[in-house]
C-alpha atoms as a PDB file:
ATOM      1  CA  UNK A   1       6.995-138.394 -18.140  1.00  0.00           C
ATOM      2  CA  UNK A   2       9.171-135.650 -16.611  1.00  0.00           C
ATOM      3  CA  UNK A   3       7.945-132.100 -15.971  1.00  0.00           C
ATOM      4  CA  UNK A   4      10.099-129.305 -14.574  1.00  0.00           C
ATOM      5  CA  UNK A   5       9.186-125.704 -13.786  1.00  0.00           C
ATOM      6  CA  UNK A   6      10.172-123.018 -11.296  1.00  0.00           C
ATOM      7  CA  UNK A   7       7.846-122.254  -8.389  1.00  0.00           C
ATOM      8  CA  UNK A   8       7.479-119.042  -6.418  1.00  0.00           C
ATOM      9  CA  UNK A   9       8.600-118.797  -2.782  1.00  0.00           C
ATOM     10  CA  UNK A  10       5.046-118.910  -1.386  1.00  0.00           C
ATOM     11  CA  UNK A  11       4.226-121.999  -3.447  1.00  0.00           C
ATOM     12  CA  UNK A  12       7.547-123.556  -2.407  1.00  0.00           C
ATOM     13  CA  UNK A  13       6.504-123.297   1.257  1.00  0.00           C
ATOM     14  CA  UNK A  14       3.165-124.915   0.509  1.00  0.00           C
ATOM     15  CA  UNK A  15       4.918-127.787  -1.286  1.00  0.00           C
ATOM     16  CA  UNK A  16       7.262-128.378   1.662  1.00  0.00           C
ATOM     17  CA  UNK A  17       4.270-128.585   4.008  1.00  0.00           C
ATOM     18  CA  UNK A  18       2.193-130.754   1.666  1.00  0.00           C
ATOM     19  CA  UNK A  19       4.879-133.391   1.088  1.00  0.00           C
ATOM     20  CA  UNK A  20       6.336-133.521   4.626  1.00  0.00           C
ATOM     21  CA  UNK A  21       4.743-136.931   5.300  1.00  0.00           C
ATOM     22  CA  UNK A  22       5.692-138.373   1.901  1.00  0.00           C
ATOM     23  CA  UNK A  23       9.467-137.761   1.941  1.00  0.00           C
ATOM     24  CA  UNK A  24      11.953-140.308   0.624  1.00  0.00           C
ATOM     25  CA  UNK A  25      14.883-141.276   2.808  1.00  0.00           C
ATOM     26  CA  UNK A  26      17.563-139.882   0.508  1.00  0.00           C
ATOM     27  CA  UNK A  27      17.572-136.331  -0.846  1.00  0.00           C
ATOM     28  CA  UNK A  28      19.462-135.589  -4.108  1.00  0.00           C
ATOM     29  CA  UNK A  29      22.236-132.950  -4.095  1.00  0.00           C
ATOM     30  CA  UNK A  30      20.976-129.336  -4.058  1.00  0.00           C
ATOM     31  CA  UNK A  31      17.431-130.509  -3.332  1.00  0.00           C
ATOM     32  CA  UNK A  32      15.254-129.346  -0.440  1.00  0.00           C
ATOM     33  CA  UNK A  33      13.351-132.632  -0.514  1.00  0.00           C
ATOM     34  CA  UNK A  34      12.335-135.577  -2.638  1.00  0.00           C
ATOM     35  CA  UNK A  35       8.928-137.176  -2.073  1.00  0.00           C
ATOM     36  CA  UNK A  36       6.798-139.872  -3.644  1.00  0.00           C
ATOM     37  CA  UNK A  37       3.033-139.834  -4.050  1.00  0.00           C
ATOM     38  CA  UNK A  38       0.899-142.217  -6.074  1.00  0.00           C
ATOM     39  CA  UNK A  39       3.769-143.400  -8.236  1.00  0.00           C
ATOM     40  CA  UNK A  40       5.081-139.869  -8.957  1.00  0.00           C
ATOM     41  CA  UNK A  41       8.475-138.696  -7.637  1.00  0.00           C
ATOM     42  CA  UNK A  42       8.565-135.013  -6.718  1.00  0.00           C
ATOM     43  CA  UNK A  43      11.864-133.181  -6.210  1.00  0.00           C
ATOM     44  CA  UNK A  44      12.103-129.562  -5.080  1.00  0.00           C
ATOM     45  CA  UNK A  45      15.512-127.958  -5.631  1.00  0.00           C
ATOM     46  CA  UNK A  46      17.081-125.044  -3.749  1.00  0.00           C
ATOM     47  CA  UNK A  47      16.888-123.055  -6.988  1.00  0.00           C
ATOM     48  CA  UNK A  48      13.090-123.245  -6.805  1.00  0.00           C
ATOM     49  CA  UNK A  49      12.759-125.724  -9.641  1.00  0.00           C
ATOM     50  CA  UNK A  50      10.251-128.499  -9.045  1.00  0.00           C
ATOM     51  CA  UNK A  51      10.593-131.778 -10.956  1.00  0.00           C
ATOM     52  CA  UNK A  52       7.771-134.320 -11.323  1.00  0.00           C
ATOM     53  CA  UNK A  53       8.597-137.788 -12.678  1.00  0.00           C
ATOM     54  CA  UNK A  54       6.210-140.660 -13.340  1.00  0.00           C
ATOM     55  CA  UNK A  55       3.149-141.821 -15.242  1.00  0.00           C
ATOM     56  CA  UNK A  56       0.913-139.238 -13.567  1.00  0.00           C
ATOM     57  CA  UNK A  57       3.508-136.435 -13.367  1.00  0.00           C
ATOM     58  CA  UNK A  58       1.210-134.028 -15.203  1.00  0.00           C
ATOM     59  CA  UNK A  59      -1.585-134.534 -12.671  1.00  0.00           C
ATOM     60  CA  UNK A  60       0.704-133.839  -9.699  1.00  0.00           C
ATOM     61  CA  UNK A  61       2.349-130.877 -11.418  1.00  0.00           C
ATOM     62  CA  UNK A  62      -1.045-129.340 -12.171  1.00  0.00           C
ATOM     63  CA  UNK A  63      -1.742-129.021  -8.443  1.00  0.00           C
ATOM     64  CA  UNK A  64       1.058-126.468  -8.219  1.00  0.00           C
ATOM     65  CA  UNK A  65       0.362-124.862 -11.575  1.00  0.00           C
ATOM     66  CA  UNK A  66      -3.079-124.051 -10.175  1.00  0.00           C
ATOM     67  CA  UNK A  67      -1.500-122.646  -7.008  1.00  0.00           C
ATOM     68  CA  UNK A  68       0.770-120.385  -9.064  1.00  0.00           C
ATOM     69  CA  UNK A  69      -2.263-119.146 -10.980  1.00  0.00           C
ATOM     70  CA  UNK A  70      -4.328-118.618  -7.843  1.00  0.00           C
ATOM     71  CA  UNK A  71      -1.677-117.068  -5.591  1.00  0.00           C
ATOM     72  CA  UNK A  72       0.604-115.299  -8.056  1.00  0.00           C
ATOM     73  CA  UNK A  73      -1.431-114.941 -11.241  1.00  0.00           C
ATOM     74  CA  UNK A  74       1.284-116.869 -13.125  1.00  0.00           C
ATOM     75  CA  UNK A  75       0.461-119.072 -16.100  1.00  0.00           C
ATOM     76  CA  UNK A  76       2.758-122.070 -16.466  1.00  0.00           C
ATOM     77  CA  UNK A  77       2.544-124.374 -19.492  1.00  0.00           C
ATOM     78  CA  UNK A  78       3.499-127.915 -18.547  1.00  0.00           C
ATOM     79  CA  UNK A  79       2.354-129.635 -21.728  1.00  0.00           C
ATOM     80  CA  UNK A  80       4.736-132.427 -22.639  1.00  0.00           C
ATOM     81  CA  UNK A  81       6.813-131.754 -25.750  1.00  0.00           C
ATOM     82  CA  UNK A  82       4.979-132.613 -28.932  1.00  0.00           C
ATOM     83  CA  UNK A  83       7.633-135.165 -29.821  1.00  0.00           C
ATOM     84  CA  UNK A  84       7.104-137.000 -26.526  1.00  0.00           C
ATOM     85  CA  UNK A  85       3.343-137.174 -27.079  1.00  0.00           C
ATOM     86  CA  UNK A  86       3.784-138.475 -30.625  1.00  0.00           C
ATOM     87  CA  UNK A  87       6.270-141.069 -29.421  1.00  0.00           C
ATOM     88  CA  UNK A  88       3.781-142.254 -26.794  1.00  0.00           C
ATOM     89  CA  UNK A  89       0.959-142.519 -29.349  1.00  0.00           C
ATOM     90  CA  UNK A  90       3.237-144.447 -31.664  1.00  0.00           C
ATOM     91  CA  UNK A  91       4.084-146.843 -28.858  1.00  0.00           C
ATOM     92  CA  UNK A  92       0.397-147.614 -28.320  1.00  0.00           C
ATOM     93  CA  UNK A  93       0.215-149.103 -31.813  1.00  0.00           C
ATOM     94  CA  UNK A  94       2.676-151.810 -30.834  1.00  0.00           C
ATOM     95  CA  UNK A  95       1.127-152.998 -27.569  1.00  0.00           C
ATOM     96  CA  UNK A  96      -0.753-155.752 -29.364  1.00  0.00           C
ATOM     97  CA  UNK A  97       2.461-157.280 -30.721  1.00  0.00           C
ATOM     98  CA  UNK A  98       4.262-157.132 -27.360  1.00  0.00           C
ATOM     99  CA  UNK A  99       4.527-159.774 -24.668  1.00  0.00           C
ATOM    100  CA  UNK A 100       2.343-158.224 -21.978  1.00  0.00           C
ATOM    101  CA  UNK A 101       0.559-158.793 -18.727  1.00  0.00           C
ATOM    102  CA  UNK A 102      -2.844-157.147 -18.697  1.00  0.00           C
ATOM    103  CA  UNK A 103      -5.815-157.089 -16.351  1.00  0.00           C
ATOM    104  CA  UNK A 104      -9.510-156.424 -16.744  1.00  0.00           C
ATOM    105  CA  UNK A 105     -12.699-156.847 -14.741  1.00  0.00           C
ATOM    106  CA  UNK A 106     -16.375-157.581 -15.297  1.00  0.00           C
ATOM    107  CA  UNK A 107     -19.474-157.398 -13.125  1.00  0.00           C
ATOM    108  CA  UNK A 108     -19.063-153.824 -11.910  1.00  0.00           C
ATOM    109  CA  UNK A 109     -22.190-152.686 -13.760  1.00  0.00           C
ATOM    110  CA  UNK A 110     -24.316-155.683 -12.796  1.00  0.00           C
ATOM    111  CA  UNK A 111     -26.639-155.588  -9.779  1.00  0.00           C
ATOM    112  CA  UNK A 112     -26.501-159.360  -9.417  1.00  0.00           C
ATOM    113  CA  UNK A 113     -23.368-161.454  -9.489  1.00  0.00           C
ATOM    114  CA  UNK A 114     -19.765-160.980  -8.368  1.00  0.00           C
ATOM    115  CA  UNK A 115     -16.982-158.758  -9.614  1.00  0.00           C
ATOM    116  CA  UNK A 116     -14.428-160.897 -11.448  1.00  0.00           C
ATOM    117  CA  UNK A 117     -10.917-159.589 -12.125  1.00  0.00           C
ATOM    118  CA  UNK A 118      -8.285-161.423 -14.135  1.00  0.00           C
ATOM    119  CA  UNK A 119      -4.642-160.731 -14.945  1.00  0.00           C
ATOM    120  CA  UNK A 120      -3.303-162.635 -17.957  1.00  0.00           C
ATOM    121  CA  UNK A 121       0.099-163.073 -19.588  1.00  0.00           C
ATOM    122  CA  UNK A 122       0.233-163.280 -23.368  1.00  0.00           C
ATOM    123  CA  UNK A 123       3.643-164.035 -24.877  1.00  0.00           C
ATOM    124  CA  UNK A 124       4.511-163.057 -28.441  1.00  0.00           C
ATOM    125  CA  UNK A 125       4.080-166.722 -29.403  1.00  0.00           C
ATOM    126  CA  UNK A 126       0.471-166.756 -28.151  1.00  0.00           C
ATOM    127  CA  UNK A 127      -0.671-163.586 -29.940  1.00  0.00           C
ATOM    128  CA  UNK A 128      -1.563-165.597 -33.057  1.00  0.00           C
ATOM    129  CA  UNK A 129      -3.807-167.815 -30.906  1.00  0.00           C
ATOM    130  CA  UNK A 130      -5.543-164.746 -29.476  1.00  0.00           C
ATOM    131  CA  UNK A 131      -6.249-163.471 -32.987  1.00  0.00           C
ATOM    132  CA  UNK A 132      -7.378-166.873 -34.283  1.00  0.00           C
ATOM    133  CA  UNK A 133      -9.874-167.246 -31.437  1.00  0.00           C
ATOM    134  CA  UNK A 134     -11.264-163.794 -32.147  1.00  0.00           C
ATOM    135  CA  UNK A 135     -10.480-162.567 -28.652  1.00  0.00           C
ATOM    136  CA  UNK A 136     -11.379-158.938 -28.044  1.00  0.00           C
ATOM    137  CA  UNK A 137     -13.209-156.836 -25.504  1.00  0.00           C
ATOM    138  CA  UNK A 138     -15.713-159.210 -23.838  1.00  0.00           C
ATOM    139  CA  UNK A 139     -18.434-156.559 -24.128  1.00  0.00           C
ATOM    140  CA  UNK A 140     -18.212-156.937 -27.927  1.00  0.00           C
ATOM    141  CA  UNK A 141     -18.599-160.723 -27.873  1.00  0.00           C
ATOM    142  CA  UNK A 142     -21.776-162.729 -27.396  1.00  0.00           C
ATOM    143  CA  UNK A 143     -22.083-164.935 -24.337  1.00  0.00           C
ATOM    144  CA  UNK A 144     -22.111-167.934 -26.678  1.00  0.00           C
ATOM    145  CA  UNK A 145     -18.794-166.909 -28.243  1.00  0.00           C
ATOM    146  CA  UNK A 146     -17.248-166.368 -24.817  1.00  0.00           C
ATOM    147  CA  UNK A 147     -18.366-169.812 -23.655  1.00  0.00           C
ATOM    148  CA  UNK A 148     -16.898-171.285 -26.848  1.00  0.00           C
ATOM    149  CA  UNK A 149     -13.404-169.768 -26.756  1.00  0.00           C
ATOM    150  CA  UNK A 150     -12.733-169.396 -23.030  1.00  0.00           C
ATOM    151  CA  UNK A 151     -11.826-173.026 -22.197  1.00  0.00           C
ATOM    152  CA  UNK A 152      -8.971-172.791 -24.731  1.00  0.00           C
ATOM    153  CA  UNK A 153      -7.873-169.438 -23.324  1.00  0.00           C
ATOM    154  CA  UNK A 154      -7.920-170.727 -19.765  1.00  0.00           C
ATOM    155  CA  UNK A 155      -5.816-173.723 -20.792  1.00  0.00           C
ATOM    156  CA  UNK A 156      -3.283-171.863 -22.949  1.00  0.00           C
ATOM    157  CA  UNK A 157      -2.915-168.452 -21.291  1.00  0.00           C
ATOM    158  CA  UNK A 158      -1.312-168.111 -17.830  1.00  0.00           C
ATOM    159  CA  UNK A 159      -3.622-166.074 -15.637  1.00  0.00           C
ATOM    160  CA  UNK A 160      -4.831-165.322 -12.123  1.00  0.00           C
ATOM    161  CA  UNK A 161      -8.474-164.591 -11.333  1.00  0.00           C
ATOM    162  CA  UNK A 162     -10.038-163.138  -8.200  1.00  0.00           C
ATOM    163  CA  UNK A 163     -13.784-163.312  -7.563  1.00  0.00           C
ATOM    164  CA  UNK A 164     -15.244-160.732  -5.169  1.00  0.00           C
ATOM    165  CA  UNK A 165     -18.573-162.059  -3.930  1.00  0.00           C
ATOM    166  CA  UNK A 166     -21.401-159.697  -3.136  1.00  0.00           C
ATOM    167  CA  UNK A 167     -21.246-160.161   0.626  1.00  0.00           C
ATOM    168  CA  UNK A 168     -17.642-158.914   0.617  1.00  0.00           C
ATOM    169  CA  UNK A 169     -18.467-156.183  -1.904  1.00  0.00           C
ATOM    170  CA  UNK A 170     -21.165-154.862   0.419  1.00  0.00           C
ATOM    171  CA  UNK A 171     -18.698-154.915   3.329  1.00  0.00           C
ATOM    172  CA  UNK A 172     -16.291-152.798   1.248  1.00  0.00           C
ATOM    173  CA  UNK A 173     -19.120-150.377   0.547  1.00  0.00           C
ATOM    174  CA  UNK A 174     -19.978-150.154   4.241  1.00  0.00           C
ATOM    175  CA  UNK A 175     -16.356-149.146   4.884  1.00  0.00           C
ATOM    176  CA  UNK A 176     -16.785-146.261   2.439  1.00  0.00           C
ATOM    177  CA  UNK A 177     -14.881-147.799  -0.477  1.00  0.00           C
ATOM    178  CA  UNK A 178     -16.194-146.597  -3.841  1.00  0.00           C
ATOM    179  CA  UNK A 179     -16.194-148.763  -6.966  1.00  0.00           C
ATOM    180  CA  UNK A 180     -12.905-147.387  -8.321  1.00  0.00           C
ATOM    181  CA  UNK A 181     -11.102-148.102  -5.060  1.00  0.00           C
ATOM    182  CA  UNK A 182     -12.462-151.657  -5.020  1.00  0.00           C
ATOM    183  CA  UNK A 183     -11.407-152.181  -8.639  1.00  0.00           C
ATOM    184  CA  UNK A 184      -7.907-150.814  -7.961  1.00  0.00           C
ATOM    185  CA  UNK A 185      -7.461-153.138  -4.972  1.00  0.00           C
ATOM    186  CA  UNK A 186      -8.555-156.153  -7.024  1.00  0.00           C
ATOM    187  CA  UNK A 187      -6.415-155.273 -10.059  1.00  0.00           C
ATOM    188  CA  UNK A 188      -3.393-154.884  -7.810  1.00  0.00           C
ATOM    189  CA  UNK A 189      -4.162-158.224  -6.146  1.00  0.00           C
ATOM    190  CA  UNK A 190      -4.246-160.256  -9.383  1.00  0.00           C
ATOM    191  CA  UNK A 191      -1.323-158.414 -10.976  1.00  0.00           C
ATOM    192  CA  UNK A 192       0.840-159.045  -7.938  1.00  0.00           C
ATOM    193  CA  UNK A 193      -0.168-162.718  -7.799  1.00  0.00           C
ATOM    194  CA  UNK A 194       0.649-163.259 -11.492  1.00  0.00           C
ATOM    195  CA  UNK A 195       3.967-161.404 -11.429  1.00  0.00           C
ATOM    196  CA  UNK A 196       5.093-163.252  -8.302  1.00  0.00           C
ATOM    197  CA  UNK A 197       4.340-166.809  -9.378  1.00  0.00           C
ATOM    198  CA  UNK A 198       7.189-169.320  -9.217  1.00  0.00           C
ATOM    199  CA  UNK A 199       7.259-169.220 -13.007  1.00  0.00           C
ATOM    200  CA  UNK A 200       8.579-165.849 -14.135  1.00  0.00           C
ATOM    201  CA  UNK A 201       7.007-164.409 -17.277  1.00  0.00           C
ATOM    202  CA  UNK A 202       9.120-162.446 -19.756  1.00  0.00           C
ATOM    203  CA  UNK A 203       6.814-159.504 -20.396  1.00  0.00           C
ATOM    204  CA  UNK A 204       7.564-156.122 -21.942  1.00  0.00           C
ATOM    205  CA  UNK A 205       4.834-154.163 -20.186  1.00  0.00           C
ATOM    206  CA  UNK A 206       2.036-154.430 -17.642  1.00  0.00           C
ATOM    207  CA  UNK A 207      -1.059-152.750 -19.056  1.00  0.00           C
ATOM    208  CA  UNK A 208      -4.306-151.814 -17.310  1.00  0.00           C
ATOM    209  CA  UNK A 209      -7.380-150.323 -18.918  1.00  0.00           C
ATOM    210  CA  UNK A 210      -7.537-146.853 -17.376  1.00  0.00           C
ATOM    211  CA  UNK A 211     -10.663-146.458 -15.243  1.00  0.00           C
ATOM    212  CA  UNK A 212      -9.243-143.695 -13.035  1.00  0.00           C
ATOM    213  CA  UNK A 213      -6.278-141.307 -13.162  1.00  0.00           C
ATOM    214  CA  UNK A 214      -3.022-143.185 -12.375  1.00  0.00           C
ATOM    215  CA  UNK A 215      -2.357-140.989  -9.349  1.00  0.00           C
ATOM    216  CA  UNK A 216      -5.746-141.872  -7.902  1.00  0.00           C
ATOM    217  CA  UNK A 217      -5.204-145.559  -8.664  1.00  0.00           C
ATOM    218  CA  UNK A 218      -2.025-145.564  -6.579  1.00  0.00           C
ATOM    219  CA  UNK A 219      -3.791-143.655  -3.810  1.00  0.00           C
ATOM    220  CA  UNK A 220      -6.445-146.380  -3.751  1.00  0.00           C
ATOM    221  CA  UNK A 221      -3.824-149.130  -3.225  1.00  0.00           C
ATOM    222  CA  UNK A 222      -1.648-147.084  -0.882  1.00  0.00           C
ATOM    223  CA  UNK A 223      -2.344-149.323   2.121  1.00  0.00           C
ATOM    224  CA  UNK A 224      -1.644-152.589   0.280  1.00  0.00           C
ATOM    225  CA  UNK A 225       1.476-154.325   1.595  1.00  0.00           C
ATOM    226  CA  UNK A 226       2.202-155.883  -1.800  1.00  0.00           C
ATOM    227  CA  UNK A 227       1.960-153.600  -4.835  1.00  0.00           C
ATOM    228  CA  UNK A 228       2.621-153.551  -8.556  1.00  0.00           C
ATOM    229  CA  UNK A 229       3.534-150.032  -9.661  1.00  0.00           C
ATOM    230  CA  UNK A 230       5.265-150.509 -13.028  1.00  0.00           C
ATOM    231  CA  UNK A 231       1.982-150.115 -14.922  1.00  0.00           C
ATOM    232  CA  UNK A 232       1.093-148.513 -18.242  1.00  0.00           C
ATOM    233  CA  UNK A 233      -2.451-147.148 -18.136  1.00  0.00           C
ATOM    234  CA  UNK A 234      -4.324-146.601 -21.377  1.00  0.00           C
ATOM    235  CA  UNK A 235      -7.968-146.253 -22.375  1.00  0.00           C
ATOM    236  CA  UNK A 236      -9.647-148.887 -24.590  1.00  0.00           C
ATOM    237  CA  UNK A 237      -6.849-151.268 -23.647  1.00  0.00           C
ATOM    238  CA  UNK A 238      -8.840-154.334 -24.784  1.00  0.00           C
ATOM    239  CA  UNK A 239      -8.435-153.217 -28.405  1.00  0.00           C
ATOM    240  CA  UNK A 240      -4.752-152.338 -28.016  1.00  0.00           C
ATOM    241  CA  UNK A 241      -3.435-155.163 -25.899  1.00  0.00           C
ATOM    242  CA  UNK A 242      -3.861-158.931 -26.335  1.00  0.00           C
ATOM    243  CA  UNK A 243      -3.418-159.711 -22.641  1.00  0.00           C
ATOM    244  CA  UNK A 244      -6.097-157.230 -21.533  1.00  0.00           C
ATOM    245  CA  UNK A 245      -8.489-158.677 -24.140  1.00  0.00           C
ATOM    246  CA  UNK A 246      -7.753-162.201 -22.897  1.00  0.00           C
ATOM    247  CA  UNK A 247      -8.254-161.133 -19.274  1.00  0.00           C
ATOM    248  CA  UNK A 248     -11.564-159.516 -20.225  1.00  0.00           C
ATOM    249  CA  UNK A 249     -12.882-162.684 -21.867  1.00  0.00           C
ATOM    250  CA  UNK A 250     -11.736-165.016 -19.075  1.00  0.00           C
ATOM    251  CA  UNK A 251     -13.338-162.753 -16.471  1.00  0.00           C
ATOM    252  CA  UNK A 252     -16.592-162.684 -18.408  1.00  0.00           C
ATOM    253  CA  UNK A 253     -16.637-166.463 -18.774  1.00  0.00           C
ATOM    254  CA  UNK A 254     -16.234-166.973 -15.026  1.00  0.00           C
ATOM    255  CA  UNK A 255     -18.867-164.312 -14.348  1.00  0.00           C
ATOM    256  CA  UNK A 256     -21.322-166.160 -16.621  1.00  0.00           C
ATOM    257  CA  UNK A 257     -20.602-169.408 -14.776  1.00  0.00           C
ATOM    258  CA  UNK A 258     -21.334-167.756 -11.442  1.00  0.00           C
ATOM    259  CA  UNK A 259     -24.589-166.314 -12.780  1.00  0.00           C
ATOM    260  CA  UNK A 260     -25.589-169.791 -14.029  1.00  0.00           C
ATOM    261  CA  UNK A 261     -24.864-171.260 -10.595  1.00  0.00           C
ATOM    262  CA  UNK A 262     -26.932-168.550  -8.916  1.00  0.00           C
ATOM    263  CA  UNK A 263     -29.861-169.087 -11.286  1.00  0.00           C
ATOM    264  CA  UNK A 264     -29.794-172.833 -10.601  1.00  0.00           C
ATOM    265  CA  UNK A 265     -29.605-172.325  -6.836  1.00  0.00           C
ATOM    266  CA  UNK A 266     -32.518-169.861  -6.714  1.00  0.00           C
ATOM    267  CA  UNK A 267     -34.643-171.522  -9.366  1.00  0.00           C
ATOM    268  CA  UNK A 268     -34.910-168.157 -11.153  1.00  0.00           C
ATOM    269  CA  UNK A 269     -33.057-166.971 -14.268  1.00  0.00           C
ATOM    270  CA  UNK A 270     -30.879-164.135 -12.961  1.00  0.00           C
ATOM    271  CA  UNK A 271     -30.563-161.254 -15.455  1.00  0.00           C
ATOM    272  CA  UNK A 272     -27.410-159.280 -16.102  1.00  0.00           C
ATOM    273  CA  UNK A 273     -27.129-155.493 -15.946  1.00  0.00           C
ATOM    274  CA  UNK A 274     -29.146-153.091 -13.813  1.00  0.00           C
ATOM    275  CA  UNK A 275     -32.370-152.553 -15.798  1.00  0.00           C
ATOM    276  CA  UNK A 276     -36.099-152.808 -15.014  1.00  0.00           C
ATOM    277  CA  UNK A 277     -36.058-156.568 -15.501  1.00  0.00           C
ATOM    278  CA  UNK A 278     -33.431-156.762 -12.772  1.00  0.00           C
ATOM    279  CA  UNK A 279     -35.786-154.871 -10.433  1.00  0.00           C
ATOM    280  CA  UNK A 280     -38.651-157.276 -11.174  1.00  0.00           C
ATOM    281  CA  UNK A 281     -36.497-160.367 -10.590  1.00  0.00           C
ATOM    282  CA  UNK A 282     -35.076-158.789  -7.444  1.00  0.00           C
ATOM    283  CA  UNK A 283     -38.589-158.284  -6.076  1.00  0.00           C
ATOM    284  CA  UNK A 284     -39.427-161.909  -6.917  1.00  0.00           C
ATOM    285  CA  UNK A 285     -36.336-163.115  -5.027  1.00  0.00           C
ATOM    286  CA  UNK A 286     -37.188-161.014  -1.974  1.00  0.00           C
ATOM    287  CA  UNK A 287     -40.745-162.405  -1.912  1.00  0.00           C
ATOM    288  CA  UNK A 288     -39.404-165.947  -2.093  1.00  0.00           C
ATOM    289  CA  UNK A 289     -36.289-165.761   0.109  1.00  0.00           C
ATOM    290  CA  UNK A 290     -36.519-162.508   2.083  1.00  0.00           C
ATOM    291  CA  UNK A 291     -34.667-159.217   1.667  1.00  0.00           C
ATOM    292  CA  UNK A 292     -31.588-160.513   3.485  1.00  0.00           C
ATOM    293  CA  UNK A 293     -30.898-162.787   0.511  1.00  0.00           C
ATOM    294  CA  UNK A 294     -29.892-159.771  -1.581  1.00  0.00           C
ATOM    295  CA  UNK A 295     -26.911-159.186   0.723  1.00  0.00           C
ATOM    296  CA  UNK A 296     -25.151-162.247  -0.671  1.00  0.00           C
ATOM    297  CA  UNK A 297     -26.218-162.026  -4.330  1.00  0.00           C
ATOM    298  CA  UNK A 298     -26.482-158.305  -5.162  1.00  0.00           C
ATOM    299  CA  UNK A 299     -24.659-154.978  -4.876  1.00  0.00           C
ATOM    300  CA  UNK A 300     -26.860-153.171  -2.377  1.00  0.00           C
ATOM    301  CA  UNK A 301     -25.587-149.659  -3.118  1.00  0.00           C
ATOM    302  CA  UNK A 302     -27.086-149.798  -6.635  1.00  0.00           C
ATOM    303  CA  UNK A 303     -30.313-147.858  -7.191  1.00  0.00           C
ATOM    304  CA  UNK A 304     -32.009-151.177  -7.954  1.00  0.00           C
ATOM    305  CA  UNK A 305     -32.215-151.901  -4.215  1.00  0.00           C
ATOM    306  CA  UNK A 306     -34.460-148.889  -3.612  1.00  0.00           C
ATOM    307  CA  UNK A 307     -36.532-149.680  -6.704  1.00  0.00           C
ATOM    308  CA  UNK A 308     -37.079-153.222  -5.448  1.00  0.00           C
ATOM    309  CA  UNK A 309     -38.287-151.870  -2.106  1.00  0.00           C
ATOM    310  CA  UNK A 310     -40.665-149.508  -3.911  1.00  0.00           C
ATOM    311  CA  UNK A 311     -41.980-152.352  -6.072  1.00  0.00           C
ATOM    312  CA  UNK A 312     -42.707-154.469  -2.995  1.00  0.00           C
ATOM    313  CA  UNK A 313     -44.608-151.657  -1.263  1.00  0.00           C
ATOM    314  CA  UNK A 314     -46.952-150.952  -4.171  1.00  0.00           C
END
């Protein structure tokens, strides 16, 4: 996406100040500066024209549209041309038939159990297998179906999985990382690992189910030494992209295995989700093993932690 509009002198000065720490080494001819932020390239020309290029160009451009409105009472329309929007929507229809790398995660809404993130590569030749197995968003499949089809997926589909245990999750939380930042870090980790394997995969696109604005996603992984930035973000990606659907199912399968292991270790059936039953089981675990046990098996920032404490003090 490319957006260009002319900015006023007072907004121009604000832009120069804002991007001074994000400048690129080379400046194009007739440009005051060129900067990069969160995957968007920003160029300010001597003429006063500002150009924003990238997946999240509209988000970055809107910062300065708002400044023009606030400081100069100017209304600037940066809507992408209708043809460009239609072309993008049309492209979405074909993601499922493309060779893609996609990533998805599970466990972020569960009090117990880890967060599991998987990146998977599905070639055009394997799309028929994905359809035959009935692979789709793991949330729309029963646990039994996931257990049935996942061994075949794991064998046939190249993938990388990362499991974030609860002890490490709680450390992230103590550092002030919110869930979206944690998810972005993990998605970047598995995508980088898969795209930098010795075997190179011939993919058309890398697709991630959009859980945050692209600009924010790239802010979250800003400090990572190794990054994947050539990403197409789209909502409901599991239904549009075979590789995201495969990654979703593989992640869910591994999550279920980890929950089974935890249940066996504790001698208690560990429930999924974050409902009242979770609170009751949590209280039972604390009575049996002590509150410290939750640090390694649960996400302590969830409201369930406080509810468990309240249950124990009744």
